[in-house]
PDB file of all heavy atoms in Angstrom:
ATOM      1  N   LEU A   1     144.835 219.556  96.225  1.00  0.00           N
ATOM      2  CA  LEU A   1     143.776 218.701  96.741  1.00  0.00           C
ATOM      3  C   LEU A   1     144.006 218.435  98.213  1.00  0.00           C
ATOM      4  O   LEU A   1     145.130 218.339  98.672  1.00  0.00           O
ATOM      5  CB  LEU A   1     143.687 217.389  96.007  1.00  0.00           C
ATOM      6  CG  LEU A   1     143.575 217.454  94.474  1.00  0.00           C
ATOM      7  CD1 LEU A   1     143.372 216.074  93.906  1.00  0.00           C
ATOM      8  CD2 LEU A   1     142.407 218.361  94.046  1.00  0.00           C
ATOM      9  N   SER A   2     142.913 218.328  98.961  1.00  0.00           N
ATOM     10  CA  SER A   2     142.963 217.994 100.386  1.00  0.00           C
ATOM     11  C   SER A   2     142.151 216.819 100.658  1.00  0.00           C
ATOM     12  O   SER A   2     141.144 216.559 100.031  1.00  0.00           O
ATOM     13  CB  SER A   2     142.458 219.172 101.213  1.00  0.00           C
ATOM     14  OG  SER A   2     143.267 220.335 101.050  1.00  0.00           O
ATOM     15  N   CYS A   3     142.611 216.001 101.604  1.00  0.00           N
ATOM     16  CA  CYS A   3     141.894 214.805 102.077  1.00  0.00           C
ATOM     17  C   CYS A   3     141.904 214.893 103.586  1.00  0.00           C
ATOM     18  O   CYS A   3     142.923 214.699 104.231  1.00  0.00           O
ATOM     19  CB  CYS A   3     142.606 213.541 101.598  1.00  0.00           C
ATOM     20  SG  CYS A   3     141.963 212.005 102.336  1.00  0.00           S
ATOM     21  N   GLN A   4     140.726 215.212 104.155  1.00  0.00           N
ATOM     22  CA  GLN A   4     140.653 215.419 105.595  1.00  0.00           C
ATOM     23  C   GLN A   4     139.863 214.286 106.250  1.00  0.00           C
ATOM     24  O   GLN A   4     138.768 213.939 105.817  1.00  0.00           O
ATOM     25  CB  GLN A   4     139.995 216.753 105.884  1.00  0.00           C
ATOM     26  CG  GLN A   4     140.005 217.088 107.390  1.00  0.00           C
ATOM     27  CD  GLN A   4     139.718 218.547 107.654  1.00  0.00           C
ATOM     28  OE1 GLN A   4     139.168 219.255 106.822  1.00  0.00           O
ATOM     29  NE2 GLN A   4     140.121 218.988 108.830  1.00  0.00           N
ATOM     30  N   ALA A   5     140.455 213.743 107.299  1.00  0.00           N
ATOM     31  CA  ALA A   5     139.811 212.717 108.102  1.00  0.00           C
ATOM     32  C   ALA A   5     139.052 213.348 109.252  1.00  0.00           C
ATOM     33  O   ALA A   5     139.482 214.363 109.824  1.00  0.00           O
ATOM     34  CB  ALA A   5     140.809 211.732 108.654  1.00  0.00           C
ATOM     35  N   SER A   6     137.953 212.783 109.588  1.00  0.00           N
ATOM     36  CA  SER A   6     137.125 213.265 110.718  1.00  0.00           C
ATOM     37  C   SER A   6     137.811 213.102 112.056  1.00  0.00           C
ATOM     38  O   SER A   6     137.566 213.806 113.022  1.00  0.00           O
ATOM     39  CB  SER A   6     135.753 212.647 110.715  1.00  0.00           C
ATOM     40  OG  SER A   6     135.829 211.244 110.823  1.00  0.00           O
ATOM     41  N   LYS A   7     138.716 212.106 112.154  1.00  0.00           N
ATOM     42  CA  LYS A   7     139.495 211.819 113.350  1.00  0.00           C
ATOM     43  C   LYS A   7     140.949 211.469 112.952  1.00  0.00           C
ATOM     44  O   LYS A   7     141.264 211.408 111.774  1.00  0.00           O
ATOM     45  CB  LYS A   7     138.862 210.669 114.124  1.00  0.00           C
ATOM     46  CG  LYS A   7     137.443 210.970 114.629  1.00  0.00           C
ATOM     47  CD  LYS A   7     136.901 209.792 115.421  1.00  0.00           C
ATOM     48  CE  LYS A   7     135.467 210.067 115.872  1.00  0.00           C
ATOM     49  NZ  LYS A   7     134.916 208.921 116.624  1.00  0.00           N
ATOM     50  N   SER A   8     141.771 211.253 113.961  1.00  0.00           N
ATOM     51  CA  SER A   8     143.177 210.996 113.734  1.00  0.00           C
ATOM     52  C   SER A   8     143.501 209.499 113.505  1.00  0.00           C
ATOM     53  O   SER A   8     144.660 209.109 113.645  1.00  0.00           O
ATOM     54  CB  SER A   8     144.002 211.548 114.913  1.00  0.00           C
ATOM     55  OG  SER A   8     143.620 210.879 116.125  1.00  0.00           O
ATOM     56  N   ALA A   9     142.516 208.717 113.200  1.00  0.00           N
ATOM     57  CA  ALA A   9     142.671 207.268 113.106  1.00  0.00           C
ATOM     58  C   ALA A   9     143.677 206.841 112.059  1.00  0.00           C
ATOM     59  O   ALA A   9     144.215 205.720 112.142  1.00  0.00           O
ATOM     60  CB  ALA A   9     141.310 206.629 112.870  1.00  0.00           C
ATOM     61  N   PHE A  10     143.927 207.668 111.031  1.00  0.00           N
ATOM     62  CA  PHE A  10     144.783 207.256 109.911  1.00  0.00           C
ATOM     63  C   PHE A  10     146.205 207.765 109.996  1.00  0.00           C
ATOM     64  O   PHE A  10     146.976 207.568 109.056  1.00  0.00           O
ATOM     65  CB  PHE A  10     144.142 207.722 108.576  1.00  0.00           C
ATOM     66  CG  PHE A  10     142.767 207.192 108.365  1.00  0.00           C
ATOM     67  CD1 PHE A  10     141.670 208.031 108.484  1.00  0.00           C
ATOM     68  CD2 PHE A  10     142.562 205.874 108.001  1.00  0.00           C
ATOM     69  CE1 PHE A  10     140.396 207.539 108.298  1.00  0.00           C
ATOM     70  CE2 PHE A  10     141.284 205.384 107.802  1.00  0.00           C
ATOM     71  CZ  PHE A  10     140.203 206.229 107.968  1.00  0.00           C
ATOM     72  N   ASN A  11     146.592 208.379 111.109  1.00  0.00           N
ATOM     73  CA  ASN A  11     147.898 208.979 111.191  1.00  0.00           C
ATOM     74  C   ASN A  11     149.060 208.004 111.127  1.00  0.00           C
ATOM     75  O   ASN A  11     150.171 208.397 110.796  1.00  0.00           O
ATOM     76  CB  ASN A  11     147.998 209.849 112.461  1.00  0.00           C
ATOM     77  CG  ASN A  11     147.228 211.138 112.359  1.00  0.00           C
ATOM     78  OD1 ASN A  11     146.717 211.499 111.294  1.00  0.00           O
ATOM     79  ND2 ASN A  11     147.086 211.836 113.465  1.00  0.00           N
ATOM     80  N   ASN A  12     148.788 206.761 111.466  1.00  0.00           N
ATOM     81  CA  ASN A  12     149.848 205.741 111.442  1.00  0.00           C
ATOM     82  C   ASN A  12     149.790 204.865 110.194  1.00  0.00           C
ATOM     83  O   ASN A  12     150.465 203.833 110.100  1.00  0.00           O
ATOM     84  CB  ASN A  12     149.816 204.866 112.661  1.00  0.00           C
ATOM     85  CG  ASN A  12     150.264 205.592 113.927  1.00  0.00           C
ATOM     86  OD1 ASN A  12     151.167 206.433 113.873  1.00  0.00           O
ATOM     87  ND2 ASN A  12     149.666 205.308 115.062  1.00  0.00           N
ATOM     88  N   PHE A  13     148.944 205.281 109.206  1.00  0.00           N
ATOM     89  CA  PHE A  13     148.809 204.499 107.987  1.00  0.00           C
ATOM     90  C   PHE A  13     149.511 205.204 106.822  1.00  0.00           C
ATOM     91  O   PHE A  13     149.631 206.410 106.757  1.00  0.00           O
ATOM     92  CB  PHE A  13     147.312 204.370 107.617  1.00  0.00           C
ATOM     93  CG  PHE A  13     146.547 203.390 108.477  1.00  0.00           C
ATOM     94  CD1 PHE A  13     146.027 203.753 109.694  1.00  0.00           C
ATOM     95  CD2 PHE A  13     146.356 202.081 108.030  1.00  0.00           C
ATOM     96  CE1 PHE A  13     145.333 202.883 110.462  1.00  0.00           C
ATOM     97  CE2 PHE A  13     145.639 201.198 108.814  1.00  0.00           C
ATOM     98  CZ  PHE A  13     145.141 201.574 110.012  1.00  0.00           C
ATOM     99  N   ARG A  14     149.973 204.359 105.870  1.00  0.00           N
ATOM    100  CA  ARG A  14     150.381 204.912 104.613  1.00  0.00           C
ATOM    101  C   ARG A  14     149.121 205.371 103.877  1.00  0.00           C
ATOM    102  O   ARG A  14     148.110 204.633 103.859  1.00  0.00           O
ATOM    103  CB  ARG A  14     151.113 203.859 103.794  1.00  0.00           C
ATOM    104  CG  ARG A  14     151.439 204.303 102.358  1.00  0.00           C
ATOM    105  CD  ARG A  14     152.086 203.179 101.595  1.00  0.00           C
ATOM    106  NE  ARG A  14     153.434 202.905 102.063  1.00  0.00           N
ATOM    107  CZ  ARG A  14     154.149 201.846 101.737  1.00  0.00           C
ATOM    108  NH1 ARG A  14     153.640 200.949 100.902  1.00  0.00           N
ATOM    109  NH2 ARG A  14     155.373 201.685 102.207  1.00  0.00           N
ATOM    110  N   MET A  15     149.135 206.567 103.335  1.00  0.00           N
ATOM    111  CA  MET A  15     148.009 207.123 102.635  1.00  0.00           C
ATOM    112  C   MET A  15     148.327 207.247 101.165  1.00  0.00           C
ATOM    113  O   MET A  15     149.482 207.462 100.787  1.00  0.00           O
ATOM    114  CB  MET A  15     147.588 208.450 103.208  1.00  0.00           C
ATOM    115  CG  MET A  15     147.207 208.438 104.684  1.00  0.00           C
ATOM    116  SD  MET A  15     145.634 207.497 104.936  1.00  0.00           S
ATOM    117  CE  MET A  15     144.480 208.566 104.072  1.00  0.00           C
ATOM    118  N   GLY A  16     147.298 207.166 100.343  1.00  0.00           N
ATOM    119  CA  GLY A  16     147.499 207.268  98.915  1.00  0.00           C
ATOM    120  C   GLY A  16     146.427 208.095  98.234  1.00  0.00           C
ATOM    121  O   GLY A  16     145.279 208.169  98.670  1.00  0.00           O
ATOM    122  N   TRP A  17     146.832 208.742  97.150  1.00  0.00           N
ATOM    123  CA  TRP A  17     145.876 209.387  96.227  1.00  0.00           C
ATOM    124  C   TRP A  17     145.731 208.506  95.016  1.00  0.00           C
ATOM    125  O   TRP A  17     146.734 207.997  94.484  1.00  0.00           O
ATOM    126  CB  TRP A  17     146.370 210.786  95.810  1.00  0.00           C
ATOM    127  CG  TRP A  17     146.179 211.851  96.830  1.00  0.00           C
ATOM    128  CD1 TRP A  17     147.075 212.326  97.741  1.00  0.00           C
ATOM    129  CD2 TRP A  17     144.975 212.599  97.027  1.00  0.00           C
ATOM    130  NE1 TRP A  17     146.499 213.324  98.484  1.00  0.00           N
ATOM    131  CE2 TRP A  17     145.170 213.499  98.106  1.00  0.00           C
ATOM    132  CE3 TRP A  17     143.710 212.589  96.450  1.00  0.00           C
ATOM    133  CZ2 TRP A  17     144.258 214.411  98.548  1.00  0.00           C
ATOM    134  CZ3 TRP A  17     142.718 213.484  96.908  1.00  0.00           C
ATOM    135  CH2 TRP A  17     143.015 214.373  97.940  1.00  0.00           C
ATOM    136  N   HIS A  18     144.506 208.290  94.593  1.00  0.00           N
ATOM    137  CA  HIS A  18     144.184 207.536  93.403  1.00  0.00           C
ATOM    138  C   HIS A  18     143.349 208.404  92.484  1.00  0.00           C
ATOM    139  O   HIS A  18     142.746 209.372  92.929  1.00  0.00           O
ATOM    140  CB  HIS A  18     143.428 206.268  93.768  1.00  0.00           C
ATOM    141  CG  HIS A  18     144.167 205.357  94.713  1.00  0.00           C
ATOM    142  ND1 HIS A  18     144.286 205.655  96.053  1.00  0.00           N
ATOM    143  CD2 HIS A  18     144.770 204.166  94.514  1.00  0.00           C
ATOM    144  CE1 HIS A  18     144.939 204.690  96.655  1.00  0.00           C
ATOM    145  NE2 HIS A  18     145.240 203.775  95.751  1.00  0.00           N
ATOM    146  N   ARG A  19     143.254 208.015  91.231  1.00  0.00           N
ATOM    147  CA  ARG A  19     142.393 208.732  90.301  1.00  0.00           C
ATOM    148  C   ARG A  19     141.718 207.794  89.343  1.00  0.00           C
ATOM    149  O   ARG A  19     142.243 206.705  89.066  1.00  0.00           O
ATOM    150  CB  ARG A  19     143.190 209.836  89.548  1.00  0.00           C
ATOM    151  CG  ARG A  19     144.240 209.286  88.583  1.00  0.00           C
ATOM    152  CD  ARG A  19     145.045 210.451  88.018  1.00  0.00           C
ATOM    153  NE  ARG A  19     146.059 209.995  87.095  1.00  0.00           N
ATOM    154  CZ  ARG A  19     146.963 210.793  86.546  1.00  0.00           C
ATOM    155  NH1 ARG A  19     146.978 212.090  86.833  1.00  0.00           N
ATOM    156  NH2 ARG A  19     147.863 210.302  85.717  1.00  0.00           N
ATOM    157  N   GLN A  20     140.587 208.214  88.826  1.00  0.00           N
ATOM    158  CA  GLN A  20     139.843 207.424  87.883  1.00  0.00           C
ATOM    159  C   GLN A  20     139.305 208.298  86.791  1.00  0.00           C
ATOM    160  O   GLN A  20     138.470 209.169  87.069  1.00  0.00           O
ATOM    161  CB  GLN A  20     138.704 206.650  88.587  1.00  0.00           C
ATOM    162  CG  GLN A  20     137.990 205.707  87.663  1.00  0.00           C
ATOM    163  CD  GLN A  20     137.026 204.783  88.434  1.00  0.00           C
ATOM    164  OE1 GLN A  20     136.567 205.151  89.518  1.00  0.00           O
ATOM    165  NE2 GLN A  20     136.707 203.606  87.860  1.00  0.00           N
ATOM    166  N   ALA A  21     139.740 208.089  85.564  1.00  0.00           N
ATOM    167  CA  ALA A  21     139.249 208.803  84.440  1.00  0.00           C
ATOM    168  C   ALA A  21     138.075 208.000  83.827  1.00  0.00           C
ATOM    169  O   ALA A  21     137.997 206.769  84.036  1.00  0.00           O
ATOM    170  CB  ALA A  21     140.340 208.978  83.385  1.00  0.00           C
ATOM    171  N   PRO A  22     137.196 208.687  83.099  1.00  0.00           N
ATOM    172  CA  PRO A  22     136.053 207.994  82.471  1.00  0.00           C
ATOM    173  C   PRO A  22     136.521 206.823  81.614  1.00  0.00           C
ATOM    174  O   PRO A  22     137.401 206.945  80.803  1.00  0.00           O
ATOM    175  CB  PRO A  22     135.403 209.063  81.617  1.00  0.00           C
ATOM    176  CG  PRO A  22     135.759 210.349  82.308  1.00  0.00           C
ATOM    177  CD  PRO A  22     137.177 210.119  82.810  1.00  0.00           C
ATOM    178  N   GLY A  23     135.928 205.671  81.843  1.00  0.00           N
ATOM    179  CA  GLY A  23     136.214 204.462  81.110  1.00  0.00           C
ATOM    180  C   GLY A  23     137.444 203.697  81.579  1.00  0.00           C
ATOM    181  O   GLY A  23     137.749 202.647  81.058  1.00  0.00           O
ATOM    182  N   ASN A  24     138.159 204.229  82.550  1.00  0.00           N
ATOM    183  CA  ASN A  24     139.349 203.607  83.076  1.00  0.00           C
ATOM    184  C   ASN A  24     139.121 203.128  84.514  1.00  0.00           C
ATOM    185  O   ASN A  24     138.218 203.531  85.213  1.00  0.00           O
ATOM    186  CB  ASN A  24     140.518 204.561  83.064  1.00  0.00           C
ATOM    187  CG  ASN A  24     140.976 204.964  81.663  1.00  0.00           C
ATOM    188  OD1 ASN A  24     140.667 204.241  80.688  1.00  0.00           O
ATOM    189  ND2 ASN A  24     141.649 206.087  81.552  1.00  0.00           N
ATOM    190  N   GLU A  25     140.014 202.218  84.918  1.00  0.00           N
ATOM    191  CA  GLU A  25     139.981 201.767  86.317  1.00  0.00           C
ATOM    192  C   GLU A  25     140.694 202.771  87.206  1.00  0.00           C
ATOM    193  O   GLU A  25     141.514 203.557  86.752  1.00  0.00           O
ATOM    194  CB  GLU A  25     140.659 200.397  86.441  1.00  0.00           C
ATOM    195  CG  GLU A  25     139.913 199.250  85.772  1.00  0.00           C
ATOM    196  CD  GLU A  25     140.490 197.926  86.134  1.00  0.00           C
ATOM    197  OE1 GLU A  25     141.650 197.859  86.556  1.00  0.00           O
ATOM    198  OE2 GLU A  25     139.755 196.906  85.979  1.00  0.00           O
ATOM    199  N   ARG A  26     140.374 202.753  88.471  1.00  0.00           N
ATOM    200  CA  ARG A  26     141.018 203.597  89.421  1.00  0.00           C
ATOM    201  C   ARG A  26     142.493 203.203  89.523  1.00  0.00           C
ATOM    202  O   ARG A  26     142.828 202.025  89.625  1.00  0.00           O
ATOM    203  CB  ARG A  26     140.336 203.470  90.775  1.00  0.00           C
ATOM    204  CG  ARG A  26     140.849 204.415  91.835  1.00  0.00           C
ATOM    205  CD  ARG A  26     140.071 204.240  93.140  1.00  0.00           C
ATOM    206  NE  ARG A  26     138.751 204.877  93.141  1.00  0.00           N
ATOM    207  CZ  ARG A  26     137.600 204.204  93.083  1.00  0.00           C
ATOM    208  NH1 ARG A  26     137.586 202.886  93.033  1.00  0.00           N
ATOM    209  NH2 ARG A  26     136.460 204.892  93.101  1.00  0.00           N
ATOM    210  N   GLU A  27     143.389 204.187  89.470  1.00  0.00           N
ATOM    211  CA  GLU A  27     144.809 203.933  89.496  1.00  0.00           C
ATOM    212  C   GLU A  27     145.501 204.731  90.591  1.00  0.00           C
ATOM    213  O   GLU A  27     145.075 205.816  90.978  1.00  0.00           O
ATOM    214  CB  GLU A  27     145.461 204.260  88.137  1.00  0.00           C
ATOM    215  CG  GLU A  27     145.386 205.754  87.789  1.00  0.00           C
ATOM    216  CD  GLU A  27     146.158 206.055  86.503  1.00  0.00           C
ATOM    217  OE1 GLU A  27     146.867 205.184  85.988  1.00  0.00           O
ATOM    218  OE2 GLU A  27     146.009 207.219  86.018  1.00  0.00           O
ATOM    219  N   LEU A  28     146.574 204.186  91.087  1.00  0.00           N
ATOM    220  CA  LEU A  28     147.374 204.839  92.131  1.00  0.00           C
ATOM    221  C   LEU A  28     148.139 206.009  91.503  1.00  0.00           C
ATOM    222  O   LEU A  28     148.670 205.921  90.396  1.00  0.00           O
ATOM    223  CB  LEU A  28     148.366 203.853  92.739  1.00  0.00           C
ATOM    224  CG  LEU A  28     149.334 204.407  93.798  1.00  0.00           C
ATOM    225  CD1 LEU A  28     148.549 204.834  95.042  1.00  0.00           C
ATOM    226  CD2 LEU A  28     150.396 203.363  94.133  1.00  0.00           C
ATOM    227  N   VAL A  29     148.208 207.102  92.248  1.00  0.00           N
ATOM    228  CA  VAL A  29     148.939 208.292  91.821  1.00  0.00           C
ATOM    229  C   VAL A  29     150.173 208.528  92.690  1.00  0.00           C
ATOM    230  O   VAL A  29     151.287 208.722  92.182  1.00  0.00           O
ATOM    231  CB  VAL A  29     148.045 209.565  91.839  1.00  0.00           C
ATOM    232  CG1 VAL A  29     148.867 210.785  91.528  1.00  0.00           C
ATOM    233  CG2 VAL A  29     146.892 209.402  90.842  1.00  0.00           C
ATOM    234  N   ALA A  30     149.977 208.549  93.991  1.00  0.00           N
ATOM    235  CA  ALA A  30     151.068 208.807  94.946  1.00  0.00           C
ATOM    236  C   ALA A  30     150.725 208.251  96.315  1.00  0.00           C
ATOM    237  O   ALA A  30     149.544 208.102  96.651  1.00  0.00           O
ATOM    238  CB  ALA A  30     151.301 210.324  95.040  1.00  0.00           C
ATOM    239  N   THR A  31     151.761 207.983  97.099  1.00  0.00           N
ATOM    240  CA  THR A  31     151.558 207.496  98.487  1.00  0.00           C
ATOM    241  C   THR A  31     152.516 208.245  99.372  1.00  0.00           C
ATOM    242  O   THR A  31     153.547 208.768  98.954  1.00  0.00           O
ATOM    243  CB  THR A  31     151.789 205.994  98.615  1.00  0.00           C
ATOM    244  OG1 THR A  31     153.170 205.699  98.355  1.00  0.00           O
ATOM    245  CG2 THR A  31     150.902 205.192  97.698  1.00  0.00           C
ATOM    246  N   ILE A  32     152.149 208.274 100.679  1.00  0.00           N
ATOM    247  CA  ILE A  32     153.042 208.856 101.683  1.00  0.00           C
ATOM    248  C   ILE A  32     152.895 207.989 102.933  1.00  0.00           C
ATOM    249  O   ILE A  32     151.788 207.647 103.346  1.00  0.00           O
ATOM    250  CB  ILE A  32     152.685 210.331 101.930  1.00  0.00           C
ATOM    251  CG1 ILE A  32     153.678 210.921 102.974  1.00  0.00           C
ATOM    252  CG2 ILE A  32     151.255 210.478 102.430  1.00  0.00           C
ATOM    253  CD1 ILE A  32     153.603 212.445 103.055  1.00  0.00           C
ATOM    254  N   THR A  33     154.017 207.610 103.524  1.00  0.00           N
ATOM    255  CA  THR A  33     153.986 206.809 104.720  1.00  0.00           C
ATOM    256  C   THR A  33     153.781 207.702 105.942  1.00  0.00           C
ATOM    257  O   THR A  33     153.788 208.941 105.875  1.00  0.00           O
ATOM    258  CB  THR A  33     155.334 206.077 104.890  1.00  0.00           C
ATOM    259  OG1 THR A  33     156.376 206.976 105.174  1.00  0.00           O
ATOM    260  CG2 THR A  33     155.677 205.257 103.642  1.00  0.00           C
ATOM    261  N   SER A  34     153.580 207.044 107.075  1.00  0.00           N
ATOM    262  CA  SER A  34     153.412 207.821 108.338  1.00  0.00           C
ATOM    263  C   SER A  34     154.634 208.607 108.665  1.00  0.00           C
ATOM    264  O   SER A  34     154.526 209.655 109.335  1.00  0.00           O
ATOM    265  CB  SER A  34     153.069 206.832 109.485  1.00  0.00           C
ATOM    266  OG  SER A  34     154.111 205.917 109.685  1.00  0.00           O
ATOM    267  N   GLY A  35     155.805 208.161 108.199  1.00  0.00           N
ATOM    268  CA  GLY A  35     157.063 208.903 108.406  1.00  0.00           C
ATOM    269  C   GLY A  35     157.390 209.894 107.348  1.00  0.00           C
ATOM    270  O   GLY A  35     158.416 210.605 107.468  1.00  0.00           O
ATOM    271  N   GLY A  36     156.547 210.053 106.348  1.00  0.00           N
ATOM    272  CA  GLY A  36     156.748 211.067 105.314  1.00  0.00           C
ATOM    273  C   GLY A  36     157.429 210.643 104.048  1.00  0.00           C
ATOM    274  O   GLY A  36     157.676 211.469 103.168  1.00  0.00           O
ATOM    275  N   SER A  37     157.784 209.342 103.892  1.00  0.00           N
ATOM    276  CA  SER A  37     158.386 208.868 102.674  1.00  0.00           C
ATOM    277  C   SER A  37     157.291 208.836 101.580  1.00  0.00           C
ATOM    278  O   SER A  37     156.185 208.410 101.792  1.00  0.00           O
ATOM    279  CB  SER A  37     158.951 207.472 102.855  1.00  0.00           C
ATOM    280  OG  SER A  37     160.025 207.493 103.788  1.00  0.00           O
ATOM    281  N   THR A  38     157.700 209.255 100.362  1.00  0.00           N
ATOM    282  CA  THR A  38     156.753 209.417  99.284  1.00  0.00           C
ATOM    283  C   THR A  38     157.036 208.531  98.090  1.00  0.00           C
ATOM    284  O   THR A  38     158.175 208.113  97.901  1.00  0.00           O
ATOM    285  CB  THR A  38     156.651 210.869  98.816  1.00  0.00           C
ATOM    286  OG1 THR A  38     157.940 211.268  98.385  1.00  0.00           O
ATOM    287  CG2 THR A  38     156.185 211.770  99.958  1.00  0.00           C
ATOM    288  N   TYR A  39     156.024 208.274  97.319  1.00  0.00           N
ATOM    289  CA  TYR A  39     156.151 207.496  96.080  1.00  0.00           C
ATOM    290  C   TYR A  39     155.212 208.120  95.056  1.00  0.00           C
ATOM    291  O   TYR A  39     154.106 208.545  95.366  1.00  0.00           O
ATOM    292  CB  TYR A  39     155.760 206.024  96.301  1.00  0.00           C
ATOM    293  CG  TYR A  39     155.496 205.307  94.981  1.00  0.00           C
ATOM    294  CD1 TYR A  39     156.517 204.817  94.211  1.00  0.00           C
ATOM    295  CD2 TYR A  39     154.182 205.150  94.539  1.00  0.00           C
ATOM    296  CE1 TYR A  39     156.254 204.164  93.003  1.00  0.00           C
ATOM    297  CE2 TYR A  39     153.902 204.483  93.336  1.00  0.00           C
ATOM    298  CZ  TYR A  39     154.968 204.007  92.593  1.00  0.00           C
ATOM    299  OH  TYR A  39     154.689 203.369  91.387  1.00  0.00           O
ATOM    300  N   TYR A  40     155.644 208.188  93.805  1.00  0.00           N
ATOM    301  CA  TYR A  40     154.874 208.732  92.702  1.00  0.00           C
ATOM    302  C   TYR A  40     154.947 207.818  91.500  1.00  0.00           C
ATOM    303  O   TYR A  40     156.041 207.258  91.209  1.00  0.00           O
ATOM    304  CB  TYR A  40     155.338 210.130  92.300  1.00  0.00           C
ATOM    305  CG  TYR A  40     155.392 211.117  93.408  1.00  0.00           C
ATOM    306  CD1 TYR A  40     156.546 211.281  94.174  1.00  0.00           C
ATOM    307  CD2 TYR A  40     154.264 211.905  93.757  1.00  0.00           C
ATOM    308  CE1 TYR A  40     156.600 212.199  95.205  1.00  0.00           C
ATOM    309  CE2 TYR A  40     154.306 212.808  94.770  1.00  0.00           C
ATOM    310  CZ  TYR A  40     155.468 212.971  95.509  1.00  0.00           C
ATOM    311  OH  TYR A  40     155.529 213.886  96.523  1.00  0.00           O
ATOM    312  N   VAL A  41     153.863 207.680  90.798  1.00  0.00           N
ATOM    313  CA  VAL A  41     153.918 206.980  89.524  1.00  0.00           C
ATOM    314  C   VAL A  41     154.652 207.903  88.524  1.00  0.00           C
ATOM    315  O   VAL A  41     154.722 209.113  88.696  1.00  0.00           O
ATOM    316  CB  VAL A  41     152.504 206.623  88.988  1.00  0.00           C
ATOM    317  CG1 VAL A  41     151.843 205.663  89.948  1.00  0.00           C
ATOM    318  CG2 VAL A  41     151.677 207.878  88.833  1.00  0.00           C
ATOM    319  N   ASP A  42     155.267 207.271  87.524  1.00  0.00           N
ATOM    320  CA  ASP A  42     156.112 208.008  86.588  1.00  0.00           C
ATOM    321  C   ASP A  42     155.385 209.157  85.921  1.00  0.00           C
ATOM    322  O   ASP A  42     155.974 210.203  85.594  1.00  0.00           O
ATOM    323  CB  ASP A  42     156.711 207.077  85.553  1.00  0.00           C
ATOM    324  CG  ASP A  42     157.770 206.143  86.147  1.00  0.00           C
ATOM    325  OD1 ASP A  42     158.289 206.442  87.222  1.00  0.00           O
ATOM    326  OD2 ASP A  42     158.074 205.143  85.473  1.00  0.00           O
ATOM    327  N   SER A  43     154.119 208.992  85.647  1.00  0.00           N
ATOM    328  CA  SER A  43     153.381 209.996  84.897  1.00  0.00           C
ATOM    329  C   SER A  43     153.185 211.306  85.621  1.00  0.00           C
ATOM    330  O   SER A  43     152.924 212.330  84.979  1.00  0.00           O
ATOM    331  CB  SER A  43     152.022 209.444  84.458  1.00  0.00           C
ATOM    332  OG  SER A  43     151.223 209.086  85.593  1.00  0.00           O
TER     333      SER A  43
END
């Protein structure tokens, strides 16, 4: 998957991928900091 910004405004932000299955709330999947540190949910 790709997430492209129209400008460079988010380069200093922690970014995250979320997902939402039918009938469920949107949940966090993974994050990455501006420095490249990552986090993933156990699943």
